[in-house]
Amino acid sequence: MCVDKLMTTVHYAIGDIHGRDDLLEQLHRKIVAHRAQHFADAEAVLVYVGDYIDRGPDSRGVIDRVMAGLDGFRTVALKGNHEDLMMQCLDSDDQTAWWNWLANAGDTTLQSFGIDTGSAAALAEGLGPARIAWLRSLSLYHLAPPYLFVHAGILPGRTIEAQSEHDLLWIRNRFLDSDTDHGFVV
């Protein structure tokens, strides 16, 4: 959670839900209660930093809950690397893309949507047009100075505008091991 200097906006950030709609529902209740107790008069922004799918049993429930938003909160939904893997499969029947996604627990997402076969057509049918449009609309970052919300991190020494999608979704050690002042709390 972060609050701007004038206490007019409070941001709650949620990362890597990975198909656990049950835990997301509990977290939403805690966030609503926290805001009511501490920031009732502040604008509230709920920032999801991606990885809604895979691993857990209810990726469908997570996507639908995040898409629906939370009453009284502005929602910002970012793309994670797991959504990136799934979207590569949605756009292609390339075996390497499918192997990469399934090796990263994409099979649990297919099960959540009742999809038996790993094909772009079956995935598109299972997701449906509204979810596909929402997935395609996911942002790569959200800037709320002095904070920068992003799924993985940023490449040190580059402006946010010069960052590659790959780095924003996948970078790890080069970001985590850096003591560079990024100009934002990332």
C-alpha atoms as a PDB file:
ATOM      1  CA  MET A   1       0.000   0.000   0.000  1.00  0.00           C
ATOM      2  CA  CYS A   2       1.226   3.521  -0.729  1.00  0.00           C
ATOM      3  CA  VAL A   3      -0.313   6.905  -0.084  1.00  0.00           C
ATOM      4  CA  ASP A   4       0.422  10.160  -1.876  1.00  0.00           C
ATOM      5  CA  LYS A   5       1.853  13.068   0.119  1.00  0.00           C
ATOM      6  CA  LEU A   6      -1.480  14.812   0.613  1.00  0.00           C
ATOM      7  CA  MET A   7      -3.278  11.609   1.619  1.00  0.00           C
ATOM      8  CA  THR A   8      -5.758  12.148  -1.197  1.00  0.00           C
ATOM      9  CA  THR A   9      -5.055   8.858  -2.968  1.00  0.00           C
ATOM     10  CA  VAL A  10      -4.201   5.485  -1.514  1.00  0.00           C
ATOM     11  CA  HIS A  11      -2.840   2.726  -3.737  1.00  0.00           C
ATOM     12  CA  TYR A  12      -3.110  -0.958  -2.874  1.00  0.00           C
ATOM     13  CA  ALA A  13      -0.964  -3.269  -4.982  1.00  0.00           C
ATOM     14  CA  ILE A  14      -1.657  -6.975  -5.480  1.00  0.00           C
ATOM     15  CA  GLY A  15       0.759  -9.215  -7.312  1.00  0.00           C
ATOM     16  CA  ASP A  16       0.908 -12.740  -8.656  1.00  0.00           C
ATOM     17  CA  ILE A  17      -2.523 -14.104  -7.783  1.00  0.00           C
ATOM     18  CA  HIS A  18      -1.904 -17.210  -9.920  1.00  0.00           C
ATOM     19  CA  GLY A  19      -5.403 -18.628 -10.071  1.00  0.00           C
ATOM     20  CA  ARG A  20      -6.190 -18.291  -6.362  1.00  0.00           C
ATOM     21  CA  ASP A  21      -9.559 -16.557  -6.477  1.00  0.00           C
ATOM     22  CA  ASP A  22     -10.312 -17.743  -2.944  1.00  0.00           C
ATOM     23  CA  LEU A  23      -7.312 -15.826  -1.585  1.00  0.00           C
ATOM     24  CA  LEU A  24      -8.053 -12.793  -3.765  1.00  0.00           C
ATOM     25  CA  GLU A  25     -11.570 -12.626  -2.338  1.00  0.00           C
ATOM     26  CA  GLN A  26     -10.136 -12.667   1.206  1.00  0.00           C
ATOM     27  CA  LEU A  27      -7.583  -9.999   0.319  1.00  0.00           C
ATOM     28  CA  HIS A  28     -10.280  -7.775  -1.172  1.00  0.00           C
ATOM     29  CA  ARG A  29     -12.234  -7.961   2.097  1.00  0.00           C
ATOM     30  CA  LYS A  30      -9.125  -6.976   4.077  1.00  0.00           C
ATOM     31  CA  ILE A  31      -8.354  -4.084   1.732  1.00  0.00           C
ATOM     32  CA  VAL A  32     -11.922  -2.776   1.920  1.00  0.00           C
ATOM     33  CA  ALA A  33     -11.792  -2.928   5.735  1.00  0.00           C
ATOM     34  CA  HIS A  34      -8.360  -1.272   5.875  1.00  0.00           C
ATOM     35  CA  ARG A  35      -9.451   1.551   3.642  1.00  0.00           C
ATOM     36  CA  ALA A  36     -12.665   2.085   5.631  1.00  0.00           C
ATOM     37  CA  GLN A  37     -10.684   2.283   8.871  1.00  0.00           C
ATOM     38  CA  HIS A  38      -7.714   4.367   7.717  1.00  0.00           C
ATOM     39  CA  PHE A  39      -8.462   6.113   4.405  1.00  0.00           C
ATOM     40  CA  ALA A  40     -12.246   6.412   4.109  1.00  0.00           C
ATOM     41  CA  ASP A  41     -12.057   9.870   2.514  1.00  0.00           C
ATOM     42  CA  ALA A  42      -9.196   9.138   0.116  1.00  0.00           C
ATOM     43  CA  GLU A  43      -9.518   8.087  -3.490  1.00  0.00           C
ATOM     44  CA  ALA A  44      -8.525   4.426  -3.652  1.00  0.00           C
ATOM     45  CA  VAL A  45      -6.699   2.702  -6.487  1.00  0.00           C
ATOM     46  CA  LEU A  46      -6.268  -1.050  -6.660  1.00  0.00           C
ATOM     47  CA  VAL A  47      -3.252  -1.970  -8.793  1.00  0.00           C
ATOM     48  CA  TYR A  48      -2.925  -5.583  -9.883  1.00  0.00           C
ATOM     49  CA  VAL A  49       0.584  -6.245 -11.173  1.00  0.00           C
ATOM     50  CA  GLY A  50      -0.204  -9.276 -13.302  1.00  0.00           C
ATOM     51  CA  ASP A  51       0.010 -13.056 -13.168  1.00  0.00           C
ATOM     52  CA  TYR A  52      -3.714 -13.629 -12.688  1.00  0.00           C
ATOM     53  CA  ILE A  53      -3.504 -17.110 -14.189  1.00  0.00           C
ATOM     54  CA  ASP A  54      -1.736 -20.473 -13.862  1.00  0.00           C
ATOM     55  CA  ARG A  55      -0.799 -22.635 -10.869  1.00  0.00           C
ATOM     56  CA  GLY A  56      -3.993 -22.214  -8.814  1.00  0.00           C
ATOM     57  CA  PRO A  57      -7.348 -23.859  -9.554  1.00  0.00           C
ATOM     58  CA  ASP A  58      -9.458 -20.817 -10.524  1.00  0.00           C
ATOM     59  CA  SER A  59      -7.797 -18.579 -13.099  1.00  0.00           C
ATOM     60  CA  ARG A  60     -11.212 -17.959 -14.616  1.00  0.00           C
ATOM     61  CA  GLY A  61     -12.556 -16.660 -11.300  1.00  0.00           C
ATOM     62  CA  VAL A  62      -9.533 -14.399 -10.814  1.00  0.00           C
ATOM     63  CA  ILE A  63      -9.844 -12.851 -14.275  1.00  0.00           C
ATOM     64  CA  ASP A  64     -13.568 -12.307 -13.835  1.00  0.00           C
ATOM     65  CA  ARG A  65     -13.107 -10.765 -10.368  1.00  0.00           C
ATOM     66  CA  VAL A  66     -10.361  -8.389 -11.518  1.00  0.00           C
ATOM     67  CA  MET A  67     -12.350  -7.456 -14.634  1.00  0.00           C
ATOM     68  CA  ALA A  68     -15.394  -6.652 -12.479  1.00  0.00           C
ATOM     69  CA  GLY A  69     -13.404  -4.350 -10.219  1.00  0.00           C
ATOM     70  CA  LEU A  70     -14.087  -3.579  -6.587  1.00  0.00           C
ATOM     71  CA  ASP A  71     -16.759  -1.080  -5.568  1.00  0.00           C
ATOM     72  CA  GLY A  72     -15.265   2.208  -4.456  1.00  0.00           C
ATOM     73  CA  PHE A  73     -11.855   1.532  -6.009  1.00  0.00           C
ATOM     74  CA  ARG A  74     -10.373   2.539  -9.323  1.00  0.00           C
ATOM     75  CA  THR A  75      -8.807  -0.553 -10.890  1.00  0.00           C
ATOM     76  CA  VAL A  76      -5.504  -0.676 -12.744  1.00  0.00           C
ATOM     77  CA  ALA A  77      -4.687  -4.093 -14.197  1.00  0.00           C
ATOM     78  CA  LEU A  78      -1.183  -4.745 -15.487  1.00  0.00           C
ATOM     79  CA  LYS A  79       0.080  -7.560 -17.681  1.00  0.00           C
ATOM     80  CA  GLY A  80       2.295 -10.245 -16.172  1.00  0.00           C
ATOM     81  CA  ASN A  81       4.604 -12.740 -17.813  1.00  0.00           C
ATOM     82  CA  HIS A  82       2.044 -15.544 -17.434  1.00  0.00           C
ATOM     83  CA  GLU A  83      -0.540 -13.532 -19.385  1.00  0.00           C
ATOM     84  CA  ASP A  84       2.180 -12.927 -21.965  1.00  0.00           C
ATOM     85  CA  LEU A  85       2.738 -16.680 -22.317  1.00  0.00           C
ATOM     86  CA  MET A  86      -0.986 -17.339 -22.683  1.00  0.00           C
ATOM     87  CA  MET A  87      -1.443 -14.561 -25.237  1.00  0.00           C
ATOM     88  CA  GLN A  88       1.362 -16.047 -27.357  1.00  0.00           C
ATOM     89  CA  CYS A  89      -0.668 -19.267 -27.429  1.00  0.00           C
ATOM     90  CA  LEU A  90      -3.874 -17.418 -28.190  1.00  0.00           C
ATOM     91  CA  ASP A  91      -2.181 -15.841 -31.194  1.00  0.00           C
ATOM     92  CA  SER A  92      -0.536 -19.016 -32.509  1.00  0.00           C
ATOM     93  CA  ASP A  93      -0.530 -22.766 -32.479  1.00  0.00           C
ATOM     94  CA  ASP A  94       3.275 -22.651 -32.320  1.00  0.00           C
ATOM     95  CA  GLN A  95       4.370 -25.730 -30.355  1.00  0.00           C
ATOM     96  CA  THR A  96       7.211 -23.906 -28.605  1.00  0.00           C
ATOM     97  CA  ALA A  97       4.860 -21.210 -27.290  1.00  0.00           C
ATOM     98  CA  TRP A  98       2.449 -23.868 -26.053  1.00  0.00           C
ATOM     99  CA  TRP A  99       5.229 -25.911 -24.455  1.00  0.00           C
ATOM    100  CA  ASN A 100       6.525 -22.794 -22.644  1.00  0.00           C
ATOM    101  CA  TRP A 101       3.092 -21.918 -21.288  1.00  0.00           C
ATOM    102  CA  LEU A 102       2.173 -25.461 -20.269  1.00  0.00           C
ATOM    103  CA  ALA A 103       5.589 -25.884 -18.607  1.00  0.00           C
ATOM    104  CA  ASN A 104       4.700 -22.812 -16.519  1.00  0.00           C
ATOM    105  CA  ALA A 105       1.392 -24.282 -15.266  1.00  0.00           C
ATOM    106  CA  GLY A 106      -0.773 -23.153 -18.166  1.00  0.00           C
ATOM    107  CA  ASP A 107      -2.552 -26.504 -17.926  1.00  0.00           C
ATOM    108  CA  THR A 108      -4.265 -25.339 -14.721  1.00  0.00           C
ATOM    109  CA  THR A 109      -5.662 -22.334 -16.583  1.00  0.00           C
ATOM    110  CA  LEU A 110      -6.940 -24.543 -19.389  1.00  0.00           C
ATOM    111  CA  GLN A 111      -8.664 -26.737 -16.780  1.00  0.00           C
ATOM    112  CA  SER A 112     -10.178 -23.682 -15.083  1.00  0.00           C
ATOM    113  CA  PHE A 113     -11.805 -22.702 -18.366  1.00  0.00           C
ATOM    114  CA  GLY A 114     -12.855 -26.267 -19.204  1.00  0.00           C
ATOM    115  CA  ILE A 115     -10.540 -26.413 -22.218  1.00  0.00           C
ATOM    116  CA  ASP A 116      -9.429 -29.932 -23.114  1.00  0.00           C
ATOM    117  CA  THR A 117      -7.127 -29.232 -26.043  1.00  0.00           C
ATOM    118  CA  GLY A 118      -4.180 -26.908 -26.426  1.00  0.00           C
ATOM    119  CA  SER A 119      -5.054 -24.944 -29.532  1.00  0.00           C
ATOM    120  CA  ALA A 120      -5.477 -21.251 -30.210  1.00  0.00           C
ATOM    121  CA  ALA A 121      -9.051 -21.807 -31.367  1.00  0.00           C
ATOM    122  CA  ALA A 122     -10.038 -23.737 -28.229  1.00  0.00           C
ATOM    123  CA  LEU A 123      -8.356 -21.134 -26.018  1.00  0.00           C
ATOM    124  CA  ALA A 124     -10.167 -18.294 -27.789  1.00  0.00           C
ATOM    125  CA  GLU A 125     -13.502 -20.060 -27.454  1.00  0.00           C
ATOM    126  CA  GLY A 126     -12.931 -20.826 -23.769  1.00  0.00           C
ATOM    127  CA  LEU A 127     -11.839 -17.295 -22.897  1.00  0.00           C
ATOM    128  CA  GLY A 128     -14.517 -15.559 -24.917  1.00  0.00           C
ATOM    129  CA  PRO A 129     -14.311 -12.144 -26.590  1.00  0.00           C
ATOM    130  CA  ALA A 130     -14.735  -9.988 -23.460  1.00  0.00           C
ATOM    131  CA  ARG A 131     -11.854 -11.632 -21.596  1.00  0.00           C
ATOM    132  CA  ILE A 132      -9.647 -11.578 -24.699  1.00  0.00           C
ATOM    133  CA  ALA A 133     -10.303  -7.855 -25.182  1.00  0.00           C
ATOM    134  CA  TRP A 134      -9.519  -7.231 -21.510  1.00  0.00           C
ATOM    135  CA  LEU A 135      -6.294  -9.271 -21.682  1.00  0.00           C
ATOM    136  CA  ARG A 136      -5.202  -7.367 -24.783  1.00  0.00           C
ATOM    137  CA  SER A 137      -5.862  -4.062 -22.992  1.00  0.00           C
ATOM    138  CA  LEU A 138      -3.604  -4.770 -20.006  1.00  0.00           C
ATOM    139  CA  SER A 139      -1.012  -2.064 -19.409  1.00  0.00           C
ATOM    140  CA  LEU A 140       2.666  -2.751 -18.873  1.00  0.00           C
ATOM    141  CA  TYR A 141       3.115  -0.232 -16.064  1.00  0.00           C
ATOM    142  CA  HIS A 142       1.294   2.318 -13.928  1.00  0.00           C
ATOM    143  CA  LEU A 143       2.966   5.529 -12.890  1.00  0.00           C
ATOM    144  CA  ALA A 144       1.766   7.279  -9.722  1.00  0.00           C
ATOM    145  CA  PRO A 145       4.749   9.433  -8.674  1.00  0.00           C
ATOM    146  CA  PRO A 146       6.813   8.701  -6.729  1.00  0.00           C
ATOM    147  CA  TYR A 147       5.738   5.112  -7.411  1.00  0.00           C
ATOM    148  CA  LEU A 148       6.083   3.001 -10.537  1.00  0.00           C
ATOM    149  CA  PHE A 149       4.090  -0.224 -10.599  1.00  0.00           C
ATOM    150  CA  VAL A 150       5.305  -2.915 -12.984  1.00  0.00           C
ATOM    151  CA  HIS A 151       5.193  -6.704 -13.044  1.00  0.00           C
ATOM    152  CA  ALA A 152       8.870  -7.675 -12.962  1.00  0.00           C
ATOM    153  CA  GLY A 153      11.008  -4.542 -12.765  1.00  0.00           C
ATOM    154  CA  ILE A 154      12.879  -2.212 -15.061  1.00  0.00           C
ATOM    155  CA  LEU A 155      16.219  -2.221 -16.792  1.00  0.00           C
ATOM    156  CA  PRO A 156      18.419   0.129 -14.733  1.00  0.00           C
ATOM    157  CA  GLY A 157      19.516   3.294 -16.505  1.00  0.00           C
ATOM    158  CA  ARG A 158      16.612   3.448 -18.982  1.00  0.00           C
ATOM    159  CA  THR A 159      13.611   5.725 -18.850  1.00  0.00           C
ATOM    160  CA  ILE A 160      10.251   4.015 -18.502  1.00  0.00           C
ATOM    161  CA  GLU A 161       9.435   4.961 -22.089  1.00  0.00           C
ATOM    162  CA  ALA A 162      12.601   3.192 -23.309  1.00  0.00           C
ATOM    163  CA  GLN A 163      11.915  -0.061 -21.450  1.00  0.00           C
ATOM    164  CA  SER A 164      11.199  -3.172 -23.496  1.00  0.00           C
ATOM    165  CA  GLU A 165       8.049  -5.178 -22.872  1.00  0.00           C
ATOM    166  CA  HIS A 166      10.254  -8.201 -22.230  1.00  0.00           C
ATOM    167  CA  ASP A 167      12.139  -6.447 -19.416  1.00  0.00           C
ATOM    168  CA  LEU A 168       8.964  -5.114 -17.802  1.00  0.00           C
ATOM    169  CA  LEU A 169       7.497  -8.632 -17.753  1.00  0.00           C
ATOM    170  CA  TRP A 170      10.547 -10.842 -17.213  1.00  0.00           C
ATOM    171  CA  ILE A 171      13.579  -8.985 -15.788  1.00  0.00           C
ATOM    172  CA  ARG A 172      14.868 -10.256 -12.468  1.00  0.00           C
ATOM    173  CA  ASN A 173      18.483 -10.074 -11.288  1.00  0.00           C
ATOM    174  CA  ARG A 174      19.632  -7.068 -13.324  1.00  0.00           C
ATOM    175  CA  PHE A 175      16.848  -5.105 -11.621  1.00  0.00           C
ATOM    176  CA  LEU A 176      16.933  -6.726  -8.186  1.00  0.00           C
ATOM    177  CA  ASP A 177      20.718  -6.533  -7.857  1.00  0.00           C
ATOM    178  CA  SER A 178      20.906  -2.905  -8.979  1.00  0.00           C
ATOM    179  CA  ASP A 179      21.363  -0.067  -6.521  1.00  0.00           C
ATOM    180  CA  THR A 180      20.661   2.519  -9.233  1.00  0.00           C
ATOM    181  CA  ASP A 181      18.297   5.347  -8.363  1.00  0.00           C
ATOM    182  CA  HIS A 182      15.473   4.671 -10.805  1.00  0.00           C
ATOM    183  CA  GLY A 183      13.764   7.972 -10.118  1.00  0.00           C
ATOM    184  CA  PHE A 184      10.757   6.090  -8.690  1.00  0.00           C
ATOM    185  CA  VAL A 185       9.991   3.555  -6.020  1.00  0.00           C
ATOM    186  CA  VAL A 186       9.503   0.516  -8.250  1.00  0.00           C
END
